[in-house]
């Protein structure tokens, strides 16, 4: 299972379709973390940074604070210019720009990191 955490419903659906795998979409970090807390660990997460409520960075901090969730590969999907910053300490394996990403970019990460 792949989680897509994005409050833009259309973008979340597009990312979910591009994975070509079973996905679960969350519109906010609270819902995604509640699912994880219930023991449903995803294979990987596609995460928007600018979320309603706690932002993506808050979600990343929560993930890395637990040994079992710290290992989940995360791909940031954002319209922010993150300028090649290294987010690997948060389990981030890649960053995709919402402005330029294509379905093949999503699939490449899924093929590489999803179990």
PDB file of N, CA and C in Angstrom:
ATOM      1  N   UNK A   1       0.843  -1.180   0.000  1.00  0.00           N
ATOM      2  CA  UNK A   1       0.000   0.000   0.000  1.00  0.00           C
ATOM      3  C   UNK A   1       0.890   1.246   0.000  1.00  0.00           C
ATOM      4  N   UNK A   2       0.516   2.195  -0.817  1.00  0.00           N
ATOM      5  CA  UNK A   2       1.222   3.473  -0.893  1.00  0.00           C
ATOM      6  C   UNK A   2       0.282   4.559  -0.393  1.00  0.00           C
ATOM      7  N   UNK A   3       0.799   5.444   0.452  1.00  0.00           N
ATOM      8  CA  UNK A   3       0.009   6.569   0.934  1.00  0.00           C
ATOM      9  C   UNK A   3       0.346   7.806   0.104  1.00  0.00           C
ATOM     10  N   UNK A   4      -0.687   8.559  -0.232  1.00  0.00           N
ATOM     11  CA  UNK A   4      -0.537   9.858  -0.869  1.00  0.00           C
ATOM     12  C   UNK A   4      -1.166  10.867   0.088  1.00  0.00           C
ATOM     13  N   UNK A   5      -0.359  11.802   0.573  1.00  0.00           N
ATOM     14  CA  UNK A   5      -0.839  12.800   1.525  1.00  0.00           C
ATOM     15  C   UNK A   5      -0.771  14.157   0.831  1.00  0.00           C
ATOM     16  N   UNK A   6      -1.946  14.636   0.424  1.00  0.00           N
ATOM     17  CA  UNK A   6      -2.027  15.904  -0.320  1.00  0.00           C
ATOM     18  C   UNK A   6      -3.442  16.441  -0.199  1.00  0.00           C
ATOM     19  N   UNK A   7      -3.576  17.712   0.149  1.00  0.00           N
ATOM     20  CA  UNK A   7      -4.904  18.305   0.279  1.00  0.00           C
ATOM     21  C   UNK A   7      -5.476  18.781  -1.057  1.00  0.00           C
ATOM     22  N   UNK A   8      -4.714  18.655  -2.119  1.00  0.00           N
ATOM     23  CA  UNK A   8      -5.211  18.931  -3.472  1.00  0.00           C
ATOM     24  C   UNK A   8      -5.748  17.604  -4.018  1.00  0.00           C
ATOM     25  N   UNK A   9      -7.067  17.473  -4.032  1.00  0.00           N
ATOM     26  CA  UNK A   9      -7.697  16.202  -4.381  1.00  0.00           C
ATOM     27  C   UNK A   9      -7.328  15.726  -5.782  1.00  0.00           C
ATOM     28  N   UNK A  10      -7.276  16.634  -6.735  1.00  0.00           N
ATOM     29  CA  UNK A  10      -6.953  16.260  -8.120  1.00  0.00           C
ATOM     30  C   UNK A  10      -5.505  15.763  -8.213  1.00  0.00           C
ATOM     31  N   UNK A  11      -4.586  16.477  -7.588  1.00  0.00           N
ATOM     32  CA  UNK A  11      -3.185  16.068  -7.604  1.00  0.00           C
ATOM     33  C   UNK A  11      -3.019  14.716  -6.915  1.00  0.00           C
ATOM     34  N   UNK A  12      -3.679  14.530  -5.788  1.00  0.00           N
ATOM     35  CA  UNK A  12      -3.582  13.263  -5.064  1.00  0.00           C
ATOM     36  C   UNK A  12      -4.083  12.107  -5.926  1.00  0.00           C
ATOM     37  N   UNK A  13      -5.188  12.306  -6.621  1.00  0.00           N
ATOM     38  CA  UNK A  13      -5.724  11.258  -7.506  1.00  0.00           C
ATOM     39  C   UNK A  13      -4.753  10.951  -8.643  1.00  0.00           C
ATOM     40  N   UNK A  14      -4.158  11.985  -9.216  1.00  0.00           N
ATOM     41  CA  UNK A  14      -3.195  11.785 -10.308  1.00  0.00           C
ATOM     42  C   UNK A  14      -1.982  10.983  -9.833  1.00  0.00           C
ATOM     43  N   UNK A  15      -1.459  11.326  -8.672  1.00  0.00           N
ATOM     44  CA  UNK A  15      -0.311  10.594  -8.122  1.00  0.00           C
ATOM     45  C   UNK A  15      -0.711   9.145  -7.838  1.00  0.00           C
ATOM     46  N   UNK A  16      -1.875   8.959  -7.248  1.00  0.00           N
ATOM     47  CA  UNK A  16      -2.342   7.603  -6.936  1.00  0.00           C
ATOM     48  C   UNK A  16      -2.469   6.767  -8.209  1.00  0.00           C
ATOM     49  N   UNK A  17      -3.042   7.327  -9.253  1.00  0.00           N
ATOM     50  CA  UNK A  17      -3.175   6.603 -10.522  1.00  0.00           C
ATOM     51  C   UNK A  17      -1.815   6.283 -11.127  1.00  0.00           C
ATOM     52  N   UNK A  18      -0.893   7.214 -11.020  1.00  0.00           N
ATOM     53  CA  UNK A  18       0.436   7.027 -11.613  1.00  0.00           C
ATOM     54  C   UNK A  18       1.228   5.918 -10.932  1.00  0.00           C
ATOM     55  N   UNK A  19       0.942   5.632  -9.666  1.00  0.00           N
ATOM     56  CA  UNK A  19       1.694   4.588  -8.964  1.00  0.00           C
ATOM     57  C   UNK A  19       1.424   3.206  -9.543  1.00  0.00           C
ATOM     58  N   UNK A  20       0.232   3.019 -10.093  1.00  0.00           N
ATOM     59  CA  UNK A  20      -0.201   1.715 -10.608  1.00  0.00           C
ATOM     60  C   UNK A  20      -0.168   0.638  -9.529  1.00  0.00           C
ATOM     61  N   UNK A  21      -0.355   1.068  -8.276  1.00  0.00           N
ATOM     62  CA  UNK A  21      -0.409   0.151  -7.137  1.00  0.00           C
ATOM     63  C   UNK A  21      -1.579   0.571  -6.259  1.00  0.00           C
ATOM     64  N   UNK A  22      -1.864  -0.268  -5.273  1.00  0.00           N
ATOM     65  CA  UNK A  22      -2.915   0.070  -4.317  1.00  0.00           C
ATOM     66  C   UNK A  22      -2.464   1.273  -3.493  1.00  0.00           C
ATOM     67  N   UNK A  23      -3.331   2.292  -3.439  1.00  0.00           N
ATOM     68  CA  UNK A  23      -2.987   3.513  -2.710  1.00  0.00           C
ATOM     69  C   UNK A  23      -4.121   3.898  -1.768  1.00  0.00           C
ATOM     70  N   UNK A  24      -3.760   4.716  -0.821  1.00  0.00           N
ATOM     71  CA  UNK A  24      -4.735   5.327   0.063  1.00  0.00           C
ATOM     72  C   UNK A  24      -4.399   6.807   0.122  1.00  0.00           C
ATOM     73  N   UNK A  25      -5.413   7.639  -0.109  1.00  0.00           N
ATOM     74  CA  UNK A  25      -5.211   9.087  -0.158  1.00  0.00           C
ATOM     75  C   UNK A  25      -5.676   9.711   1.155  1.00  0.00           C
ATOM     76  N   UNK A  26      -4.862  10.643   1.648  1.00  0.00           N
ATOM     77  CA  UNK A  26      -5.190  11.404   2.853  1.00  0.00           C
ATOM     78  C   UNK A  26      -5.083  12.886   2.527  1.00  0.00           C
ATOM     79  N   UNK A  27      -6.043  13.666   2.984  1.00  0.00           N
ATOM     80  CA  UNK A  27      -6.023  15.102   2.695  1.00  0.00           C
ATOM     81  C   UNK A  27      -5.287  15.905   3.765  1.00  0.00           C
ATOM     82  N   UNK A  28      -4.899  15.230   4.853  1.00  0.00           N
ATOM     83  CA  UNK A  28      -4.146  15.935   5.892  1.00  0.00           C
ATOM     84  C   UNK A  28      -3.232  14.967   6.648  1.00  0.00           C
ATOM     85  N   UNK A  29      -2.284  15.545   7.346  1.00  0.00           N
ATOM     86  CA  UNK A  29      -1.283  14.758   8.065  1.00  0.00           C
ATOM     87  C   UNK A  29      -1.894  13.993   9.239  1.00  0.00           C
ATOM     88  N   UNK A  30      -2.908  14.572   9.889  1.00  0.00           N
ATOM     89  CA  UNK A  30      -3.542  13.887  11.019  1.00  0.00           C
ATOM     90  C   UNK A  30      -4.111  12.534  10.600  1.00  0.00           C
ATOM     91  N   UNK A  31      -4.844  12.522   9.489  1.00  0.00           N
ATOM     92  CA  UNK A  31      -5.477  11.285   9.035  1.00  0.00           C
ATOM     93  C   UNK A  31      -4.432  10.236   8.662  1.00  0.00           C
ATOM     94  N   UNK A  32      -3.380  10.665   7.983  1.00  0.00           N
ATOM     95  CA  UNK A  32      -2.325   9.723   7.590  1.00  0.00           C
ATOM     96  C   UNK A  32      -1.619   9.162   8.819  1.00  0.00           C
ATOM     97  N   UNK A  33      -1.319  10.019   9.776  1.00  0.00           N
ATOM     98  CA  UNK A  33      -0.628   9.545  10.983  1.00  0.00           C
ATOM     99  C   UNK A  33      -1.534   8.641  11.807  1.00  0.00           C
ATOM    100  N   UNK A  34      -2.825   8.915  11.836  1.00  0.00           N
ATOM    101  CA  UNK A  34      -3.761   8.049  12.558  1.00  0.00           C
ATOM    102  C   UNK A  34      -3.776   6.648  11.946  1.00  0.00           C
ATOM    103  N   UNK A  35      -3.744   6.578  10.634  1.00  0.00           N
ATOM    104  CA  UNK A  35      -3.714   5.280   9.950  1.00  0.00           C
ATOM    105  C   UNK A  35      -2.428   4.526  10.288  1.00  0.00           C
ATOM    106  N   UNK A  36      -1.321   5.247  10.296  1.00  0.00           N
ATOM    107  CA  UNK A  36      -0.034   4.633  10.626  1.00  0.00           C
ATOM    108  C   UNK A  36      -0.015   4.186  12.086  1.00  0.00           C
ATOM    109  N   UNK A  37      -0.555   5.011  12.970  1.00  0.00           N
ATOM    110  CA  UNK A  37      -0.620   4.681  14.390  1.00  0.00           C
ATOM    111  C   UNK A  37      -1.455   3.425  14.631  1.00  0.00           C
ATOM    112  N   UNK A  38      -2.445   3.210  13.766  1.00  0.00           N
ATOM    113  CA  UNK A  38      -3.279   2.007  13.871  1.00  0.00           C
ATOM    114  C   UNK A  38      -2.547   0.756  13.379  1.00  0.00           C
ATOM    115  N   UNK A  39      -1.285   0.918  12.967  1.00  0.00           N
ATOM    116  CA  UNK A  39      -0.485  -0.232  12.564  1.00  0.00           C
ATOM    117  C   UNK A  39      -0.445  -0.496  11.074  1.00  0.00           C
ATOM    118  N   UNK A  40      -1.001   0.398  10.293  1.00  0.00           N
ATOM    119  CA  UNK A  40      -1.011   0.235   8.840  1.00  0.00           C
ATOM    120  C   UNK A  40       0.158   0.997   8.225  1.00  0.00           C
ATOM    121  N   UNK A  41       1.306   0.349   8.175  1.00  0.00           N
ATOM    122  CA  UNK A  41       2.507   0.989   7.638  1.00  0.00           C
ATOM    123  C   UNK A  41       2.523   0.876   6.111  1.00  0.00           C
ATOM    124  N   UNK A  42       2.665   1.985   5.424  1.00  0.00           N
ATOM    125  CA  UNK A  42       2.716   1.937   3.963  1.00  0.00           C
ATOM    126  C   UNK A  42       4.096   1.507   3.468  1.00  0.00           C
ATOM    127  N   UNK A  43       4.140   1.088   2.205  1.00  0.00           N
ATOM    128  CA  UNK A  43       5.417   0.759   1.563  1.00  0.00           C
ATOM    129  C   UNK A  43       6.222   2.032   1.336  1.00  0.00           C
ATOM    130  N   UNK A  44       5.494   3.095   0.988  1.00  0.00           N
ATOM    131  CA  UNK A  44       6.112   4.393   0.788  1.00  0.00           C
ATOM    132  C   UNK A  44       5.041   5.463   0.855  1.00  0.00           C
ATOM    133  N   UNK A  45       5.489   6.729   0.915  1.00  0.00           N
ATOM    134  CA  UNK A  45       4.563   7.857   1.032  1.00  0.00           C
ATOM    135  C   UNK A  45       4.950   8.933   0.021  1.00  0.00           C
ATOM    136  N   UNK A  46       3.956   9.447  -0.693  1.00  0.00           N
ATOM    137  CA  UNK A  46       4.109  10.659  -1.490  1.00  0.00           C
ATOM    138  C   UNK A  46       3.475  11.766  -0.666  1.00  0.00           C
ATOM    139  N   UNK A  47       4.260  12.807  -0.350  1.00  0.00           N
ATOM    140  CA  UNK A  47       3.859  13.803   0.638  1.00  0.00           C
ATOM    141  C   UNK A  47       3.967  15.223   0.107  1.00  0.00           C
ATOM    142  N   UNK A  48       2.856  15.947   0.175  1.00  0.00           N
ATOM    143  CA  UNK A  48       2.869  17.379  -0.110  1.00  0.00           C
ATOM    144  C   UNK A  48       3.387  18.093   1.139  1.00  0.00           C
ATOM    145  N   UNK A  49       4.019  19.223   0.954  1.00  0.00           N
ATOM    146  CA  UNK A  49       4.540  19.991   2.083  1.00  0.00           C
ATOM    147  C   UNK A  49       3.507  20.986   2.590  1.00  0.00           C
ATOM    148  N   UNK A  50       2.823  21.671   1.677  1.00  0.00           N
ATOM    149  CA  UNK A  50       1.852  22.698   2.058  1.00  0.00           C
ATOM    150  C   UNK A  50       0.480  22.062   2.263  1.00  0.00           C
ATOM    151  N   UNK A  51       0.273  21.531   3.450  1.00  0.00           N
ATOM    152  CA  UNK A  51      -0.979  20.868   3.805  1.00  0.00           C
ATOM    153  C   UNK A  51      -1.815  21.763   4.708  1.00  0.00           C
ATOM    154  N   UNK A  52      -3.119  21.544   4.692  1.00  0.00           N
ATOM    155  CA  UNK A  52      -3.999  22.175   5.659  1.00  0.00           C
ATOM    156  C   UNK A  52      -3.742  21.498   7.001  1.00  0.00           C
ATOM    157  N   UNK A  53      -3.590  22.280   8.052  1.00  0.00           N
ATOM    158  CA  UNK A  53      -3.240  21.720   9.364  1.00  0.00           C
ATOM    159  C   UNK A  53      -1.737  21.563   9.450  1.00  0.00           C
ATOM    160  N   UNK A  54      -1.264  20.538  10.152  1.00  0.00           N
ATOM    161  CA  UNK A  54       0.184  20.342  10.224  1.00  0.00           C
ATOM    162  C   UNK A  54       0.771  20.168   8.818  1.00  0.00           C
ATOM    163  N   UNK A  55       1.871  20.841   8.567  1.00  0.00           N
ATOM    164  CA  UNK A  55       2.463  20.768   7.220  1.00  0.00           C
ATOM    165  C   UNK A  55       3.279  19.486   7.060  1.00  0.00           C
ATOM    166  N   UNK A  56       3.794  19.295   5.864  1.00  0.00           N
ATOM    167  CA  UNK A  56       4.562  18.093   5.555  1.00  0.00           C
ATOM    168  C   UNK A  56       5.807  17.938   6.395  1.00  0.00           C
ATOM    169  N   UNK A  57       6.452  19.040   6.746  1.00  0.00           N
ATOM    170  CA  UNK A  57       7.657  18.947   7.569  1.00  0.00           C
ATOM    171  C   UNK A  57       7.317  18.442   8.978  1.00  0.00           C
ATOM    172  N   UNK A  58       6.191  18.867   9.510  1.00  0.00           N
ATOM    173  CA  UNK A  58       5.740  18.373  10.816  1.00  0.00           C
ATOM    174  C   UNK A  58       5.485  16.871  10.733  1.00  0.00           C
ATOM    175  N   UNK A  59       4.849  16.438   9.649  1.00  0.00           N
ATOM    176  CA  UNK A  59       4.580  15.022   9.425  1.00  0.00           C
ATOM    177  C   UNK A  59       5.889  14.235   9.341  1.00  0.00           C
ATOM    178  N   UNK A  60       6.868  14.768   8.595  1.00  0.00           N
ATOM    179  CA  UNK A  60       8.175  14.103   8.480  1.00  0.00           C
ATOM    180  C   UNK A  60       8.846  13.970   9.842  1.00  0.00           C
ATOM    181  N   UNK A  61       8.795  15.028  10.649  1.00  0.00           N
ATOM    182  CA  UNK A  61       9.380  14.967  11.995  1.00  0.00           C
ATOM    183  C   UNK A  61       8.723  13.880  12.833  1.00  0.00           C
ATOM    184  N   UNK A  62       7.417  13.739  12.703  1.00  0.00           N
ATOM    185  CA  UNK A  62       6.702  12.699  13.440  1.00  0.00           C
ATOM    186  C   UNK A  62       7.134  11.313  12.966  1.00  0.00           C
ATOM    187  N   UNK A  63       7.255  11.140  11.657  1.00  0.00           N
ATOM    188  CA  UNK A  63       7.671   9.843  11.109  1.00  0.00           C
ATOM    189  C   UNK A  63       9.039   9.407  11.623  1.00  0.00           C
ATOM    190  N   UNK A  64      10.000  10.315  11.614  1.00  0.00           N
ATOM    191  CA  UNK A  64      11.359   9.926  11.997  1.00  0.00           C
ATOM    192  C   UNK A  64      11.525   9.752  13.501  1.00  0.00           C
ATOM    193  N   UNK A  65      10.511  10.097  14.267  1.00  0.00           N
ATOM    194  CA  UNK A  65      10.637   9.957  15.717  1.00  0.00           C
ATOM    195  C   UNK A  65      10.354   8.533  16.199  1.00  0.00           C
ATOM    196  N   UNK A  66       9.939   7.640  15.295  1.00  0.00           N
ATOM    197  CA  UNK A  66       9.671   6.246  15.651  1.00  0.00           C
ATOM    198  C   UNK A  66      10.488   5.332  14.739  1.00  0.00           C
ATOM    199  N   UNK A  67      11.082   4.302  15.312  1.00  0.00           N
ATOM    200  CA  UNK A  67      11.973   3.444  14.518  1.00  0.00           C
ATOM    201  C   UNK A  67      11.261   2.730  13.376  1.00  0.00           C
ATOM    202  N   UNK A  68      10.025   2.300  13.584  1.00  0.00           N
ATOM    203  CA  UNK A  68       9.336   1.577  12.509  1.00  0.00           C
ATOM    204  C   UNK A  68       8.895   2.490  11.370  1.00  0.00           C
ATOM    205  N   UNK A  69       8.517   3.718  11.677  1.00  0.00           N
ATOM    206  CA  UNK A  69       8.076   4.633  10.609  1.00  0.00           C
ATOM    207  C   UNK A  69       9.233   5.408   9.983  1.00  0.00           C
ATOM    208  N   UNK A  70      10.350   5.486  10.667  1.00  0.00           N
ATOM    209  CA  UNK A  70      11.503   6.204  10.128  1.00  0.00           C
ATOM    210  C   UNK A  70      12.057   5.531   8.879  1.00  0.00           C
ATOM    211  N   UNK A  71      11.742   4.262   8.689  1.00  0.00           N
ATOM    212  CA  UNK A  71      12.263   3.512   7.545  1.00  0.00           C
ATOM    213  C   UNK A  71      11.394   3.631   6.291  1.00  0.00           C
ATOM    214  N   UNK A  72      10.244   4.282   6.391  1.00  0.00           N
ATOM    215  CA  UNK A  72       9.332   4.402   5.249  1.00  0.00           C
ATOM    216  C   UNK A  72       9.900   5.417   4.265  1.00  0.00           C
ATOM    217  N   UNK A  73      10.127   5.010   3.007  1.00  0.00           N
ATOM    218  CA  UNK A  73      10.614   5.977   2.019  1.00  0.00           C
ATOM    219  C   UNK A  73       9.535   7.011   1.693  1.00  0.00           C
ATOM    220  N   UNK A  74       9.946   8.264   1.634  1.00  0.00           N
ATOM    221  CA  UNK A  74       9.027   9.368   1.368  1.00  0.00           C
ATOM    222  C   UNK A  74       9.514  10.133   0.140  1.00  0.00           C
ATOM    223  N   UNK A  75       8.567  10.454  -0.747  1.00  0.00           N
ATOM    224  CA  UNK A  75       8.843  11.336  -1.877  1.00  0.00           C
ATOM    225  C   UNK A  75       8.020  12.596  -1.656  1.00  0.00           C
ATOM    226  N   UNK A  76       8.699  13.726  -1.585  1.00  0.00           N
ATOM    227  CA  UNK A  76       8.005  15.006  -1.454  1.00  0.00           C
ATOM    228  C   UNK A  76       7.467  15.405  -2.818  1.00  0.00           C
ATOM    229  N   UNK A  77       6.198  15.817  -2.853  1.00  0.00           N
ATOM    230  CA  UNK A  77       5.613  16.405  -4.054  1.00  0.00           C
ATOM    231  C   UNK A  77       5.171  17.812  -3.650  1.00  0.00           C
ATOM    232  N   UNK A  78       5.740  18.822  -4.282  1.00  0.00           N
ATOM    233  CA  UNK A  78       5.467  20.176  -3.829  1.00  0.00           C
ATOM    234  C   UNK A  78       5.606  21.191  -4.954  1.00  0.00           C
ATOM    235  N   UNK A  79       4.892  22.280  -4.794  1.00  0.00           N
ATOM    236  CA  UNK A  79       5.053  23.395  -5.708  1.00  0.00           C
ATOM    237  C   UNK A  79       6.114  24.374  -5.189  1.00  0.00           C
ATOM    238  N   UNK A  80       6.624  24.124  -3.989  1.00  0.00           N
ATOM    239  CA  UNK A  80       7.699  24.950  -3.429  1.00  0.00           C
ATOM    240  C   UNK A  80       9.009  24.678  -4.162  1.00  0.00           C
ATOM    241  N   UNK A  81       9.847  25.690  -4.267  1.00  0.00           N
ATOM    242  CA  UNK A  81      11.184  25.495  -4.808  1.00  0.00           C
ATOM    243  C   UNK A  81      12.073  25.045  -3.653  1.00  0.00           C
ATOM    244  N   UNK A  82      12.332  23.762  -3.592  1.00  0.00           N
ATOM    245  CA  UNK A  82      13.124  23.211  -2.493  1.00  0.00           C
ATOM    246  C   UNK A  82      14.607  23.144  -2.826  1.00  0.00           C
ATOM    247  N   UNK A  83      14.963  23.620  -3.997  1.00  0.00           N
ATOM    248  CA  UNK A  83      16.340  23.859  -4.383  1.00  0.00           C
ATOM    249  C   UNK A  83      17.359  22.779  -4.107  1.00  0.00           C
ATOM    250  N   UNK A  84      17.034  21.531  -4.336  1.00  0.00           N
ATOM    251  CA  UNK A  84      18.010  20.465  -4.186  1.00  0.00           C
ATOM    252  C   UNK A  84      18.464  20.230  -2.760  1.00  0.00           C
ATOM    253  N   UNK A  85      17.673  20.635  -1.788  1.00  0.00           N
ATOM    254  CA  UNK A  85      18.034  20.412  -0.386  1.00  0.00           C
ATOM    255  C   UNK A  85      18.040  18.928  -0.061  1.00  0.00           C
ATOM    256  N   UNK A  86      18.852  18.545   0.896  1.00  0.00           N
ATOM    257  CA  UNK A  86      18.960  17.146   1.306  1.00  0.00           C
ATOM    258  C   UNK A  86      18.024  16.887   2.480  1.00  0.00           C
ATOM    259  N   UNK A  87      16.974  16.115   2.229  1.00  0.00           N
ATOM    260  CA  UNK A  87      16.006  15.764   3.262  1.00  0.00           C
ATOM    261  C   UNK A  87      16.140  14.296   3.670  1.00  0.00           C
ATOM    262  N   UNK A  88      17.258  13.681   3.363  1.00  0.00           N
ATOM    263  CA  UNK A  88      17.430  12.243   3.603  1.00  0.00           C
ATOM    264  C   UNK A  88      17.322  11.865   5.084  1.00  0.00           C
ATOM    265  N   UNK A  89      17.639  12.768   5.996  1.00  0.00           N
ATOM    266  CA  UNK A  89      17.511  12.447   7.425  1.00  0.00           C
ATOM    267  C   UNK A  89      16.048  12.227   7.815  1.00  0.00           C
ATOM    268  N   UNK A  90      15.131  12.657   6.959  1.00  0.00           N
ATOM    269  CA  UNK A  90      13.696  12.462   7.190  1.00  0.00           C
ATOM    270  C   UNK A  90      13.156  11.261   6.416  1.00  0.00           C
ATOM    271  N   UNK A  91      14.026  10.487   5.810  1.00  0.00           N
ATOM    272  CA  UNK A  91      13.567   9.348   5.024  1.00  0.00           C
ATOM    273  C   UNK A  91      13.126   9.722   3.624  1.00  0.00           C
ATOM    274  N   UNK A  92      13.402  10.963   3.240  1.00  0.00           N
ATOM    275  CA  UNK A  92      13.003  11.440   1.912  1.00  0.00           C
ATOM    276  C   UNK A  92      13.980  10.902   0.873  1.00  0.00           C
ATOM    277  N   UNK A  93      13.433  10.188  -0.104  1.00  0.00           N
ATOM    278  CA  UNK A  93      14.254   9.591  -1.152  1.00  0.00           C
ATOM    279  C   UNK A  93      14.204  10.404  -2.444  1.00  0.00           C
ATOM    280  N   UNK A  94      13.344  11.403  -2.497  1.00  0.00           N
ATOM    281  CA  UNK A  94      13.257  12.233  -3.687  1.00  0.00           C
ATOM    282  C   UNK A  94      12.276  13.370  -3.516  1.00  0.00           C
ATOM    283  N   UNK A  95      12.410  14.342  -4.410  1.00  0.00           N
ATOM    284  CA  UNK A  95      11.528  15.501  -4.427  1.00  0.00           C
ATOM    285  C   UNK A  95      11.039  15.689  -5.857  1.00  0.00           C
ATOM    286  N   UNK A  96       9.716  15.799  -6.004  1.00  0.00           N
ATOM    287  CA  UNK A  96       9.128  16.057  -7.315  1.00  0.00           C
ATOM    288  C   UNK A  96       8.412  17.399  -7.283  1.00  0.00           C
ATOM    289  N   UNK A  97       8.626  18.186  -8.318  1.00  0.00           N
ATOM    290  CA  UNK A  97       7.938  19.467  -8.447  1.00  0.00           C
ATOM    291  C   UNK A  97       6.568  19.232  -9.055  1.00  0.00           C
ATOM    292  N   UNK A  98       5.532  19.738  -8.413  1.00  0.00           N
ATOM    293  CA  UNK A  98       4.180  19.595  -8.950  1.00  0.00           C
ATOM    294  C   UNK A  98       4.054  20.275 -10.313  1.00  0.00           C
ATOM    295  N   UNK A  99       4.888  21.256 -10.551  1.00  0.00           N
ATOM    296  CA  UNK A  99       4.817  22.006 -11.803  1.00  0.00           C
ATOM    297  C   UNK A  99       5.369  21.231 -12.990  1.00  0.00           C
ATOM    298  N   UNK A 100       6.280  20.305 -12.745  1.00  0.00           N
ATOM    299  CA  UNK A 100       6.944  19.628 -13.869  1.00  0.00           C
ATOM    300  C   UNK A 100       6.894  18.102 -13.814  1.00  0.00           C
ATOM    301  N   UNK A 101       6.404  17.526 -12.725  1.00  0.00           N
ATOM    302  CA  UNK A 101       6.430  16.071 -12.594  1.00  0.00           C
ATOM    303  C   UNK A 101       5.495  15.407 -13.599  1.00  0.00           C
ATOM    304  N   UNK A 102       5.869  14.186 -13.971  1.00  0.00           N
ATOM    305  CA  UNK A 102       5.100  13.382 -14.908  1.00  0.00           C
ATOM    306  C   UNK A 102       4.810  12.034 -14.266  1.00  0.00           C
ATOM    307  N   UNK A 103       3.795  11.317 -14.757  1.00  0.00           N
ATOM    308  CA  UNK A 103       3.487  10.000 -14.186  1.00  0.00           C
ATOM    309  C   UNK A 103       4.694   9.055 -14.143  1.00  0.00           C
ATOM    310  N   UNK A 104       5.546   9.126 -15.153  1.00  0.00           N
ATOM    311  CA  UNK A 104       6.721   8.241 -15.171  1.00  0.00           C
ATOM    312  C   UNK A 104       7.665   8.545 -14.008  1.00  0.00           C
ATOM    313  N   UNK A 105       7.698   9.801 -13.551  1.00  0.00           N
ATOM    314  CA  UNK A 105       8.544  10.152 -12.405  1.00  0.00           C
ATOM    315  C   UNK A 105       8.036   9.468 -11.137  1.00  0.00           C
ATOM    316  N   UNK A 106       6.720   9.452 -10.977  1.00  0.00           N
ATOM    317  CA  UNK A 106       6.110   8.782  -9.828  1.00  0.00           C
ATOM    318  C   UNK A 106       6.409   7.284  -9.891  1.00  0.00           C
ATOM    319  N   UNK A 107       6.188   6.682 -11.056  1.00  0.00           N
ATOM    320  CA  UNK A 107       6.414   5.238 -11.213  1.00  0.00           C
ATOM    321  C   UNK A 107       7.864   4.851 -10.967  1.00  0.00           C
ATOM    322  N   UNK A 108       8.792   5.704 -11.365  1.00  0.00           N
ATOM    323  CA  UNK A 108      10.215   5.420 -11.142  1.00  0.00           C
ATOM    324  C   UNK A 108      10.504   5.249  -9.650  1.00  0.00           C
ATOM    325  N   UNK A 109       9.946   6.131  -8.829  1.00  0.00           N
ATOM    326  CA  UNK A 109      10.149   6.002  -7.385  1.00  0.00           C
ATOM    327  C   UNK A 109       9.451   4.760  -6.836  1.00  0.00           C
ATOM    328  N   UNK A 110       8.250   4.484  -7.333  1.00  0.00           N
ATOM    329  CA  UNK A 110       7.531   3.294  -6.877  1.00  0.00           C
ATOM    330  C   UNK A 110       8.321   2.033  -7.215  1.00  0.00           C
ATOM    331  N   UNK A 111       8.828   1.953  -8.422  1.00  0.00           N
ATOM    332  CA  UNK A 111       9.600   0.779  -8.839  1.00  0.00           C
ATOM    333  C   UNK A 111      10.866   0.611  -8.000  1.00  0.00           C
ATOM    334  N   UNK A 112      11.445   1.719  -7.609  1.00  0.00           N
ATOM    335  CA  UNK A 112      12.701   1.646  -6.859  1.00  0.00           C
ATOM    336  C   UNK A 112      12.494   1.391  -5.371  1.00  0.00           C
ATOM    337  N   UNK A 113      11.425   1.942  -4.776  1.00  0.00           N
ATOM    338  CA  UNK A 113      11.308   1.911  -3.312  1.00  0.00           C
ATOM    339  C   UNK A 113      10.137   1.116  -2.758  1.00  0.00           C
ATOM    340  N   UNK A 114       9.096   0.887  -3.523  1.00  0.00           N
ATOM    341  CA  UNK A 114       7.966   0.124  -2.986  1.00  0.00           C
ATOM    342  C   UNK A 114       8.313  -1.345  -2.985  1.00  0.00           C
ATOM    343  N   UNK A 115       7.926  -2.056  -1.972  1.00  0.00           N
ATOM    344  CA  UNK A 115       8.281  -3.470  -1.808  1.00  0.00           C
ATOM    345  C   UNK A 115       7.543  -4.343  -2.782  1.00  0.00           C
TER     346      UNK A 115
END
